[in-house]
Amino acid sequence: MPSNQKIQDDLEESIPEPEDSKFATMTKAVYNVMFLPVVFSVIAVLVFHYYDTLIESQISLAINDSKPLYWLYTKKEDEGHLRHVIKVLDKLGYRRGTNESDWDLLWAHDYPFKIFPNLKNLKPHQRVNHLPACGFFTNKVDLSTTDSQYLPRAFRLPDDKEAFLDFTRDFPEKRFVQKSNAHRGIRIKKSGEFDFDKEETFIQEFVEKPYLVDGFKFDMGIYTVITSVDPLRVYTYKGDVLFRFCPHTYHPFDPEDTKKYVVDDDYLPIWKVPSLKKFYTDLGFSMKDTFDAYVRSTGKDPGRVWNAVDEAIRDVLLKKEKLMGDVVKKYPGRKNFFELVRFDFIVDDQLNIFLMEANMSPNLSSAHFPPNRLLYEQVLFNMFALIGVGQRIDTPFIRPGTWEERSFEVADKNLVVLPEICSACADCFRVECQLCRQCFTEEMRSIFAQCYTEHQNKMDFKRVFPPPITKDMILKDYTLKNQLLVRWYQGKCQMDASWCT
């Protein structure tokens, strides 16, 4: 007979385990085998992600802190007119700062020098997009009354009232318009309609017989950059030209209909001029190349227009240089300033050109005409390259250092010219010997270095002054620094033909 203990053990073995106990056991097994590893894996992933994000954030902050800074000055609350400036600077790796930052570039839509007196104490790396004396050629009264063959005859009021009346007696057939710096309300007036007592206005001869395309009069805007005054350096953008057409056909002429002869904000764009649409829209040419193709199709040479445009810009700026230089020299950092301006010209039926105005802070907004976006952004991109704001080198090296630190960018061997003359220079009294390394002053070395980097970085800009190098150049009418600079370019031209133009 089985013992009582055995019977008890058999009974316990035969009694089934409760269901909740089985579930708990299974749950514990699943927890140990599956859930815990998943939890630990998730925690590990989160930890790694945190540290990865932290490292990326620190790297991003370091990169962002090393980016060059720009700040904007404009009297307008809405910055839409500067959208393309901001976009191009962003693409070039700049970040926005304030006047309180250790900034690299000030882009001022309005004249900044009266508002910010600290611009007289700039650091070597800081650049400003205006010249302190730009008003001598951007002020419409001052420009239009300049004695130049490329400007229609003009009379400043009220000072030139008698001279104007004498002129009208000698040329009674001529017509005139009265203008002001505001460039508003322009129309042809009869002699009795002029307000001779109105300050800051002028009367200008009306250019008769304009060159017409499909019956429309037009003007053309040449984007120009002045990188230095005394010595003078000027470049024009050859990548394109802004063409603007009057919205009404010129004939039959009606002086009361100003839309026949005055280009205003609601101008007719080039892509709406029938004879130009094929070249510009269908074939994809620039505005300038479109105009050139049209002029050639009429049997004329557009080259004479562009040669005259260059000469007109040179002529006006050389005549204003002394006035500008007297102001700029009051600013210790002359290299800090540059100027982007648009010179507007009209053309007559003989392809003679007439300079009408120079626009400080020219319109760079495509809000009214979206297809102009590309023109504005390419002008800005090329200009920033020219002046050294758009750099090929890394940010820490952008700011000027010692001459030795800059040697990988420009060195003395890039600046020396005239080997035959310099090898014979026993001293520095001879003018040409001042172009030799042994006679370099720090100022002239710095000027030549800036010329060298501008030449390397000019892209779609071309040099207008110093002018193209020719054999029989007359230099005596230039300032001493301009003479030295032109002679230096002559030396570079002899060594490398790319420097000749």
Protein backbone atom coordinates (compact mmCIF):
# COMPACT_ATOMS: atom_id res chain seq x y z
CA MET A 1 0.00 0.00 0.00
CA PRO A 2 1.44 3.34 -0.92
CA SER A 3 2.60 5.57 1.84
CA ASN A 4 0.63 8.65 2.77
CA GLN A 5 3.48 10.97 1.60
CA LYS A 6 3.56 9.38 -1.85
CA ILE A 7 -0.18 9.72 -2.15
CA GLN A 8 0.12 13.41 -1.22
CA ASP A 9 2.86 13.99 -3.82
CA ASP A 10 0.86 12.25 -6.52
CA LEU A 11 -2.18 14.34 -5.71
CA GLU A 12 -0.15 17.58 -5.93
CA GLU A 13 1.26 16.54 -9.29
CA SER A 14 -2.18 15.66 -10.60
CA ILE A 15 -3.69 19.05 -9.60
CA PRO A 16 -3.49 21.40 -12.65
CA GLU A 17 -1.54 24.76 -12.36
CA PRO A 18 -3.85 27.77 -12.21
CA GLU A 19 -4.25 29.75 -15.52
CA ASP A 20 -3.11 33.08 -14.04
CA SER A 21 0.10 31.49 -12.87
CA LYS A 22 0.80 30.21 -16.39
CA PHE A 23 0.16 33.66 -17.83
CA ALA A 24 2.50 35.30 -15.35
CA THR A 25 5.23 32.83 -16.21
CA MET A 26 4.80 33.37 -19.94
CA THR A 27 4.70 37.13 -19.50
CA LYS A 28 7.89 37.07 -17.52
CA ALA A 29 9.57 34.98 -20.20
CA VAL A 30 8.44 37.28 -22.99
CA TYR A 31 9.56 40.31 -20.96
CA ASN A 32 13.00 38.84 -20.39
CA VAL A 33 13.50 37.52 -23.91
CA MET A 34 11.91 40.25 -26.08
CA PHE A 35 10.87 43.43 -24.30
CA LEU A 36 13.98 44.19 -22.27
CA PRO A 37 16.32 43.99 -25.29
CA VAL A 38 14.00 46.25 -27.25
CA VAL A 39 13.89 48.78 -24.42
CA PHE A 40 17.65 48.78 -24.08
CA SER A 41 18.01 49.12 -27.86
CA VAL A 42 15.63 52.09 -27.94
CA ILE A 43 17.47 53.74 -25.06
CA ALA A 44 20.79 53.18 -26.82
CA VAL A 45 19.45 54.65 -30.06
CA LEU A 46 18.09 57.69 -28.22
CA VAL A 47 21.37 58.24 -26.40
CA PHE A 48 23.39 57.95 -29.62
CA HIS A 49 20.91 60.24 -31.41
CA TYR A 50 21.19 62.81 -28.62
CA TYR A 51 24.97 62.90 -28.74
CA ASP A 52 24.94 62.92 -32.56
CA THR A 53 22.50 65.84 -32.58
CA LEU A 54 24.54 67.63 -29.92
CA ILE A 55 27.73 67.24 -31.94
CA GLU A 56 26.00 68.38 -35.16
CA SER A 57 24.55 71.36 -33.30
CA GLN A 58 27.95 72.34 -31.95
CA ILE A 59 29.51 72.00 -35.40
CA SER A 60 26.67 74.03 -36.94
CA LEU A 61 27.09 76.75 -34.32
CA ALA A 62 30.83 76.84 -34.92
CA ILE A 63 30.34 77.11 -38.69
CA ASN A 64 27.65 79.76 -38.28
CA ASP A 65 29.83 81.78 -35.91
CA SER A 66 32.63 81.76 -38.48
CA LYS A 67 30.44 83.07 -41.31
CA PRO A 68 31.03 86.69 -42.38
CA LEU A 69 28.39 89.20 -41.30
CA TYR A 70 26.39 91.80 -43.20
CA TRP A 71 23.82 94.31 -42.10
CA LEU A 72 21.25 96.36 -44.00
CA TYR A 73 20.32 100.01 -43.78
CA THR A 74 17.13 101.22 -45.44
CA LYS A 75 14.55 103.82 -44.53
CA LYS A 76 11.76 101.56 -45.75
CA GLU A 77 10.07 99.20 -43.29
CA ASP A 78 9.49 96.60 -46.01
CA GLU A 79 12.74 95.02 -47.20
CA GLY A 80 11.20 93.49 -50.33
CA HIS A 81 13.32 95.74 -52.54
CA LEU A 82 16.42 94.10 -51.05
CA ARG A 83 15.25 90.51 -51.44
CA HIS A 84 17.79 89.66 -54.14
CA VAL A 85 20.63 91.28 -52.18
CA ILE A 86 19.76 89.13 -49.15
CA LYS A 87 19.42 86.01 -51.28
CA VAL A 88 22.81 86.39 -53.00
CA LEU A 89 24.59 87.16 -49.73
CA ASP A 90 22.99 84.10 -48.18
CA LYS A 91 24.23 81.96 -51.09
CA LEU A 92 27.72 83.40 -50.57
CA GLY A 93 27.71 82.19 -46.96
CA TYR A 94 27.00 85.48 -45.20
CA ARG A 95 24.74 85.75 -42.19
CA ARG A 96 22.87 88.81 -41.08
CA GLY A 97 24.09 90.94 -38.20
CA THR A 98 23.57 94.49 -36.95
CA ASN A 99 25.49 97.72 -36.71
CA GLU A 100 26.69 96.50 -33.32
CA SER A 101 28.23 93.34 -34.81
CA ASP A 102 31.82 92.99 -35.97
CA TRP A 103 30.37 93.11 -39.46
CA ASP A 104 32.07 92.62 -42.82
CA LEU A 105 29.61 94.34 -45.18
CA LEU A 106 27.14 97.19 -44.86
CA TRP A 107 24.58 97.25 -47.66
CA ALA A 108 22.89 100.63 -47.43
CA HIS A 109 19.98 101.38 -49.73
CA ASP A 110 20.02 104.99 -48.55
CA TYR A 111 23.03 107.27 -48.10
CA PRO A 112 24.48 106.20 -44.74
CA PHE A 113 27.29 108.63 -43.93
CA LYS A 114 25.23 111.34 -42.23
CA ILE A 115 23.39 108.79 -40.07
CA PHE A 116 26.39 106.68 -39.03
CA PRO A 117 29.44 108.84 -38.23
CA ASN A 118 31.31 105.69 -37.12
CA LEU A 119 31.84 104.90 -40.83
CA LYS A 120 34.88 107.16 -40.59
CA ASN A 121 36.51 104.59 -38.30
CA LEU A 122 36.12 101.31 -40.14
CA LYS A 123 38.25 98.22 -39.67
CA PRO A 124 40.28 97.01 -42.67
CA HIS A 125 37.89 94.11 -43.42
CA GLN A 126 34.69 96.20 -43.43
CA ARG A 127 33.15 97.20 -46.76
CA VAL A 128 30.38 99.73 -47.50
CA ASN A 129 28.45 99.86 -50.76
CA HIS A 130 28.67 103.64 -51.15
CA LEU A 131 31.37 106.22 -51.67
CA PRO A 132 31.22 109.18 -49.26
CA ALA A 133 31.13 111.54 -52.26
CA CYS A 134 28.88 109.66 -54.68
CA GLY A 135 26.44 112.59 -54.81
CA PHE A 136 28.77 114.48 -57.14
CA PHE A 137 27.65 112.23 -59.98
CA THR A 138 24.40 110.65 -58.70
CA ASN A 139 22.75 113.97 -57.92
CA LYS A 140 20.76 114.69 -61.08
CA VAL A 141 21.39 118.43 -61.04
CA ASP A 142 25.14 118.06 -60.50
CA LEU A 143 25.46 115.36 -63.15
CA SER A 144 23.35 117.00 -65.84
CA THR A 145 25.14 120.36 -65.56
CA THR A 146 28.55 118.71 -66.02
CA ASP A 147 30.41 119.91 -69.11
CA SER A 148 30.52 116.77 -71.24
CA GLN A 149 29.83 116.03 -74.88
CA TYR A 150 27.76 113.04 -73.79
CA LEU A 151 25.24 115.07 -71.77
CA PRO A 152 22.43 117.13 -73.33
CA ARG A 153 22.90 120.83 -72.62
CA ALA A 154 21.45 121.69 -69.20
CA PHE A 155 20.96 124.82 -67.08
CA ARG A 156 20.87 124.87 -63.27
CA LEU A 157 18.10 126.96 -61.76
CA PRO A 158 17.92 129.67 -60.70
CA ASP A 159 21.62 130.42 -61.34
CA ASP A 160 21.64 129.76 -65.09
CA LYS A 161 18.37 131.49 -66.01
CA GLU A 162 19.99 134.16 -68.17
CA ALA A 163 22.29 131.66 -69.88
CA PHE A 164 19.25 129.56 -70.74
CA LEU A 165 17.35 132.51 -72.19
CA ASP A 166 20.37 133.44 -74.31
CA PHE A 167 20.61 129.85 -75.55
CA THR A 168 16.94 129.74 -76.56
CA ARG A 169 17.38 132.95 -78.55
CA ASP A 170 20.30 131.39 -80.43
CA PHE A 171 18.47 128.05 -80.96
CA PRO A 172 14.74 128.81 -81.06
CA GLU A 173 13.94 125.43 -82.66
CA LYS A 174 15.15 123.40 -79.64
CA ARG A 175 12.79 121.93 -77.05
CA PHE A 176 13.44 121.47 -73.34
CA VAL A 177 12.25 119.63 -70.23
CA GLN A 178 12.48 120.75 -66.61
CA LYS A 179 13.75 118.12 -64.15
CA SER A 180 14.53 117.76 -60.47
CA ASN A 181 16.32 115.24 -58.28
CA ALA A 182 12.97 113.53 -57.72
CA HIS A 183 12.77 112.67 -61.45
CA ARG A 184 8.99 113.07 -61.42
CA GLY A 185 6.61 115.11 -63.58
CA ILE A 186 8.98 115.36 -66.56
CA ARG A 187 7.43 116.75 -69.73
CA ILE A 188 8.29 119.09 -72.58
CA LYS A 189 7.41 122.67 -71.68
CA LYS A 190 7.01 125.87 -73.60
CA SER A 191 9.32 128.75 -72.73
CA GLY A 192 6.66 130.52 -70.65
CA GLU A 193 5.95 127.41 -68.54
CA PHE A 194 9.31 127.07 -66.82
CA ASP A 195 9.63 127.85 -63.13
CA PHE A 196 12.94 129.71 -63.02
CA ASP A 197 12.86 130.19 -59.25
CA LYS A 198 12.53 126.54 -58.28
CA GLU A 199 15.62 125.40 -56.37
CA GLU A 200 17.41 122.11 -57.11
CA THR A 201 15.93 121.85 -60.61
CA PHE A 202 17.39 122.21 -64.07
CA ILE A 203 16.24 122.69 -67.63
CA GLN A 204 17.65 120.21 -70.11
CA GLU A 205 17.66 120.09 -73.88
CA PHE A 206 15.27 117.46 -75.25
CA VAL A 207 17.00 114.88 -77.45
CA GLU A 208 15.23 114.85 -80.79
CA LYS A 209 15.04 111.91 -83.21
CA PRO A 210 15.63 109.01 -80.83
CA TYR A 211 16.51 105.54 -82.07
CA LEU A 212 13.25 103.56 -82.22
CA VAL A 213 12.55 99.85 -82.14
CA ASP A 214 9.10 99.04 -83.56
CA GLY A 215 8.31 102.73 -83.00
CA PHE A 216 9.21 102.69 -79.27
CA LYS A 217 11.76 104.99 -77.63
CA PHE A 218 13.90 103.38 -74.91
CA ASP A 219 16.69 103.91 -72.45
CA MET A 220 19.42 101.48 -71.40
CA GLY A 221 20.93 101.07 -67.95
CA ILE A 222 24.63 100.21 -67.56
CA TYR A 223 25.52 98.68 -64.18
CA THR A 224 28.81 100.19 -63.06
CA VAL A 225 31.05 99.59 -60.05
CA ILE A 226 33.56 102.12 -58.76
CA THR A 227 36.09 100.35 -56.57
CA SER A 228 38.47 103.24 -55.89
CA VAL A 229 38.86 107.02 -56.10
CA ASP A 230 42.37 108.51 -56.46
CA PRO A 231 43.46 106.37 -58.11
CA LEU A 232 40.25 105.80 -60.02
CA ARG A 233 39.09 102.29 -60.91
CA VAL A 234 35.80 101.68 -62.70
CA TYR A 235 34.17 98.55 -64.11
CA THR A 236 30.96 98.02 -66.11
CA TYR A 237 28.88 94.86 -66.24
CA LYS A 238 29.11 93.34 -69.70
CA GLY A 239 26.88 90.36 -68.94
CA ASP A 240 23.74 92.32 -69.79
CA VAL A 241 22.15 95.76 -69.97
CA LEU A 242 18.72 96.83 -68.71
CA PHE A 243 16.51 98.00 -71.59
CA ARG A 244 13.29 99.88 -70.80
CA PHE A 245 10.85 101.05 -73.48
CA CYS A 246 8.24 103.79 -73.41
CA PRO A 247 4.77 102.18 -73.38
CA HIS A 248 3.41 104.34 -76.24
CA THR A 249 4.87 104.57 -79.75
CA TYR A 250 6.81 107.77 -80.43
CA HIS A 251 4.93 108.76 -83.59
CA PRO A 252 2.70 110.63 -84.13
CA PHE A 253 4.51 112.73 -81.53
CA ASP A 254 2.45 114.50 -78.89
CA PRO A 255 4.34 116.43 -76.17
CA GLU A 256 1.32 116.08 -73.87
CA ASP A 257 1.59 112.28 -73.94
CA THR A 258 4.68 111.73 -71.79
CA LYS A 259 4.44 107.95 -72.20
CA LYS A 260 5.75 108.47 -75.72
CA TYR A 261 9.09 109.91 -74.59
CA VAL A 262 9.54 109.43 -70.80
CA VAL A 263 10.51 106.03 -69.38
CA ASP A 264 8.79 105.57 -66.02
CA ASP A 265 8.19 102.72 -63.57
CA ASP A 266 5.51 101.19 -65.80
CA TYR A 267 7.79 100.85 -68.80
CA LEU A 268 7.35 98.38 -71.63
CA PRO A 269 9.71 95.40 -71.07
CA ILE A 270 11.87 94.07 -73.87
CA TRP A 271 9.95 90.81 -74.16
CA LYS A 272 6.86 92.75 -75.27
CA VAL A 273 8.60 94.50 -78.18
CA PRO A 274 7.69 92.39 -81.25
CA SER A 275 11.00 92.61 -83.15
CA LEU A 276 13.00 91.73 -80.02
CA LYS A 277 10.80 88.97 -78.63
CA LYS A 278 12.25 86.29 -80.93
CA PHE A 279 15.85 86.92 -79.85
CA TYR A 280 15.09 87.45 -76.17
CA THR A 281 12.25 85.03 -75.43
CA ASP A 282 12.46 82.35 -78.12
CA LEU A 283 16.24 82.13 -78.55
CA GLY A 284 17.27 83.07 -75.01
CA PHE A 285 19.68 85.91 -75.70
CA SER A 286 20.44 88.64 -73.15
CA MET A 287 18.89 92.08 -73.53
CA LYS A 288 22.19 93.49 -74.78
CA ASP A 289 22.76 90.69 -77.30
CA THR A 290 19.15 91.01 -78.43
CA PHE A 291 19.60 94.73 -79.11
CA ASP A 292 22.90 94.10 -80.89
CA ALA A 293 21.32 91.49 -83.16
CA TYR A 294 18.48 93.87 -84.03
CA VAL A 295 20.84 96.77 -84.81
CA ARG A 296 23.01 94.56 -87.02
CA SER A 297 19.89 93.41 -88.87
CA THR A 298 19.35 97.06 -89.89
CA GLY A 299 22.89 97.28 -91.29
CA LYS A 300 24.40 99.29 -88.41
CA ASP A 301 27.20 98.51 -85.96
CA PRO A 302 26.12 98.41 -82.28
CA GLY A 303 29.77 98.43 -81.21
CA ARG A 304 29.93 102.19 -81.58
CA VAL A 305 27.17 102.50 -78.96
CA TRP A 306 29.08 100.51 -76.33
CA ASN A 307 32.40 102.22 -77.07
CA ALA A 308 30.73 105.60 -76.60
CA VAL A 309 29.04 104.41 -73.37
CA ASP A 310 32.42 103.47 -71.90
CA GLU A 311 33.92 106.79 -72.92
CA ALA A 312 30.99 108.74 -71.44
CA ILE A 313 31.31 106.98 -68.07
CA ARG A 314 35.07 107.60 -68.05
CA ASP A 315 34.62 111.23 -69.01
CA VAL A 316 32.09 112.04 -66.29
CA LEU A 317 33.86 110.21 -63.47
CA LEU A 318 37.24 111.72 -64.30
CA LYS A 319 35.67 115.17 -64.19
CA LYS A 320 34.17 114.40 -60.78
CA GLU A 321 37.22 112.62 -59.37
CA LYS A 322 38.87 115.61 -57.67
CA LEU A 323 35.62 116.59 -55.95
CA MET A 324 35.13 113.02 -54.79
CA GLY A 325 38.76 112.65 -53.74
CA ASP A 326 38.59 115.74 -51.52
CA VAL A 327 35.79 114.08 -49.54
CA VAL A 328 37.05 110.51 -49.58
CA LYS A 329 40.46 111.49 -48.20
CA LYS A 330 38.71 112.51 -44.98
CA TYR A 331 37.97 108.83 -44.44
CA PRO A 332 41.11 106.93 -43.34
CA GLY A 333 39.98 103.63 -44.87
CA ARG A 334 39.56 104.53 -48.54
CA LYS A 335 39.61 100.86 -49.52
CA ASN A 336 36.47 100.23 -47.45
CA PHE A 337 34.12 101.85 -49.98
CA PHE A 338 32.71 100.91 -53.36
CA GLU A 339 29.71 102.05 -55.38
CA LEU A 340 27.24 100.17 -57.57
CA VAL A 341 25.48 102.67 -59.82
CA ARG A 342 23.39 102.42 -62.97
CA PHE A 343 24.10 104.93 -65.72
CA ASP A 344 21.06 105.47 -67.94
CA PHE A 345 21.51 106.43 -71.60
CA ILE A 346 19.31 107.15 -74.58
CA VAL A 347 20.34 106.70 -78.22
CA ASP A 348 19.46 108.85 -81.22
CA ASP A 349 18.81 107.63 -84.76
CA GLN A 350 22.51 108.03 -85.65
CA LEU A 351 23.53 105.80 -82.69
CA ASN A 352 24.88 108.75 -80.72
CA ILE A 353 24.45 108.21 -76.99
CA PHE A 354 23.35 110.70 -74.31
CA LEU A 355 23.82 110.18 -70.57
CA MET A 356 20.60 111.05 -68.75
CA GLU A 357 21.22 110.09 -65.11
CA ALA A 358 23.22 107.97 -62.68
CA ASN A 359 21.20 106.05 -60.11
CA MET A 360 22.62 105.53 -56.64
CA SER A 361 21.21 102.29 -55.21
CA PRO A 362 19.64 101.33 -58.55
CA ASN A 363 16.47 99.28 -58.49
CA LEU A 364 17.28 95.60 -57.85
CA SER A 365 13.73 94.44 -57.18
CA SER A 366 11.97 92.18 -59.65
CA ALA A 367 8.58 92.57 -57.95
CA HIS A 368 7.20 94.57 -60.89
CA PHE A 369 8.95 92.59 -63.63
CA PRO A 370 9.81 89.06 -62.34
CA PRO A 371 11.89 88.09 -65.43
CA ASN A 372 14.45 90.73 -64.36
CA ARG A 373 15.37 88.57 -61.34
CA LEU A 374 18.23 86.85 -63.17
CA LEU A 375 19.75 90.14 -64.30
CA TYR A 376 19.76 91.60 -60.80
CA GLU A 377 21.12 88.48 -59.10
CA GLN A 378 23.88 88.03 -61.66
CA VAL A 379 24.89 91.68 -61.37
CA LEU A 380 25.13 91.25 -57.58
CA PHE A 381 26.96 87.91 -57.76
CA ASN A 382 29.55 89.24 -60.21
CA MET A 383 29.96 92.50 -58.28
CA PHE A 384 30.55 90.72 -54.95
CA ALA A 385 33.21 88.61 -56.65
CA LEU A 386 34.88 91.72 -58.12
CA ILE A 387 35.17 93.58 -54.81
CA GLY A 388 36.20 90.50 -52.83
CA VAL A 389 33.00 90.00 -50.83
CA GLY A 390 32.35 86.72 -52.63
CA GLN A 391 35.62 84.97 -51.80
CA ARG A 392 37.31 81.80 -53.00
CA ILE A 393 39.00 81.29 -49.66
CA ASP A 394 37.67 80.12 -46.30
CA THR A 395 36.12 82.60 -43.90
CA PRO A 396 38.94 82.90 -41.35
CA PHE A 397 41.27 84.05 -44.15
CA ILE A 398 38.90 86.59 -45.72
CA ARG A 399 39.82 89.39 -43.36
CA PRO A 400 43.10 91.06 -44.39
CA GLY A 401 46.18 89.95 -42.51
CA THR A 402 49.88 90.61 -42.96
CA TRP A 403 51.41 90.69 -46.42
CA GLU A 404 52.99 87.30 -45.75
CA GLU A 405 49.63 85.81 -44.76
CA ARG A 406 48.12 87.03 -48.04
CA SER A 407 50.95 85.79 -50.23
CA PHE A 408 49.07 82.70 -51.42
CA GLU A 409 46.46 85.08 -52.87
CA VAL A 410 48.72 87.85 -54.15
CA ALA A 411 52.48 88.28 -53.75
CA ASP A 412 55.10 90.72 -54.95
CA LYS A 413 55.86 88.55 -57.97
CA ASN A 414 52.25 89.20 -59.11
CA LEU A 415 52.78 92.96 -58.88
CA VAL A 416 56.19 93.64 -60.41
CA VAL A 417 56.32 95.09 -63.94
CA LEU A 418 58.77 96.68 -66.40
CA PRO A 419 61.82 94.44 -65.76
CA GLU A 420 64.12 96.35 -68.14
CA ILE A 421 63.36 99.69 -66.50
CA CYS A 422 63.42 98.41 -62.92
CA SER A 423 66.77 96.69 -63.38
CA ALA A 424 68.27 100.09 -64.23
CA CYS A 425 66.67 102.06 -61.38
CA ALA A 426 69.40 103.22 -59.00
CA ASP A 427 66.93 105.26 -56.93
CA CYS A 428 63.23 106.02 -56.75
CA PHE A 429 63.19 109.59 -58.07
CA ARG A 430 62.25 108.61 -61.60
CA VAL A 431 58.47 108.24 -61.82
CA GLU A 432 58.54 104.83 -63.50
CA CYS A 433 60.94 103.52 -60.83
CA GLN A 434 58.11 103.94 -58.32
CA LEU A 435 56.49 100.93 -60.04
CA CYS A 436 59.47 98.75 -59.08
CA ARG A 437 59.55 96.50 -56.05
CA GLN A 438 62.50 98.28 -54.46
CA CYS A 439 60.47 101.52 -54.53
CA PHE A 440 57.06 100.17 -53.47
CA THR A 441 55.43 102.17 -50.70
CA GLU A 442 52.93 100.31 -48.55
CA GLU A 443 50.14 102.39 -50.10
CA MET A 444 51.11 101.59 -53.70
CA ARG A 445 51.70 97.91 -52.90
CA SER A 446 48.21 97.78 -51.41
CA ILE A 447 46.72 99.54 -54.48
CA PHE A 448 48.45 97.19 -56.91
CA ALA A 449 47.37 94.17 -54.84
CA GLN A 450 43.76 95.30 -54.98
CA CYS A 451 44.04 95.84 -58.75
CA TYR A 452 45.45 92.33 -59.10
CA THR A 453 42.66 90.64 -57.13
CA GLU A 454 40.00 92.68 -58.98
CA HIS A 455 41.46 91.57 -62.30
CA GLN A 456 41.40 87.94 -61.19
CA ASN A 457 37.84 88.18 -59.85
CA LYS A 458 36.09 90.50 -62.33
CA MET A 459 34.12 87.70 -64.05
CA ASP A 460 31.50 89.45 -66.25
CA PHE A 461 32.69 92.95 -65.40
CA LYS A 462 35.10 94.76 -67.69
CA ARG A 463 37.53 97.51 -66.78
CA VAL A 464 36.56 100.98 -68.01
CA PHE A 465 39.18 102.93 -66.09
CA PRO A 466 42.11 102.59 -66.35
CA PRO A 467 41.12 102.48 -70.03
CA PRO A 468 42.15 99.76 -72.50
CA ILE A 469 45.89 99.93 -73.06
CA THR A 470 47.03 101.36 -76.41
CA LYS A 471 50.44 102.40 -77.75
CA ASP A 472 49.87 106.15 -77.89
CA MET A 473 48.12 106.83 -74.59
CA ILE A 474 48.18 110.41 -73.29
CA LEU A 475 48.53 110.45 -69.51
CA LYS A 476 49.36 114.09 -68.73
CA ASP A 477 45.73 115.01 -67.95
CA TYR A 478 45.45 112.36 -65.25
CA THR A 479 46.33 112.78 -61.58
CA LEU A 480 49.75 111.49 -60.54
CA LYS A 481 48.27 108.37 -58.96
CA ASN A 482 46.19 107.70 -62.07
CA GLN A 483 49.28 108.11 -64.24
CA LEU A 484 51.18 105.62 -62.09
CA LEU A 485 48.27 103.19 -62.19
CA VAL A 486 47.85 103.38 -65.96
CA ARG A 487 51.60 102.91 -66.40
CA TRP A 488 51.42 99.85 -64.12
CA TYR A 489 48.61 98.41 -66.26
CA GLN A 490 50.75 99.07 -69.33
CA GLY A 491 53.50 97.02 -67.73
CA LYS A 492 51.09 94.20 -66.90
CA CYS A 493 49.73 94.34 -70.47
CA GLN A 494 53.24 93.88 -71.87
CA MET A 495 53.63 90.72 -69.80
CA ASP A 496 50.08 89.33 -70.23
CA ALA A 497 47.62 90.43 -72.95
CA SER A 498 44.61 89.77 -70.68
CA TRP A 499 45.56 92.93 -68.78
CA CYS A 500 45.28 95.14 -71.87
CA THR A 501 41.49 95.49 -71.58
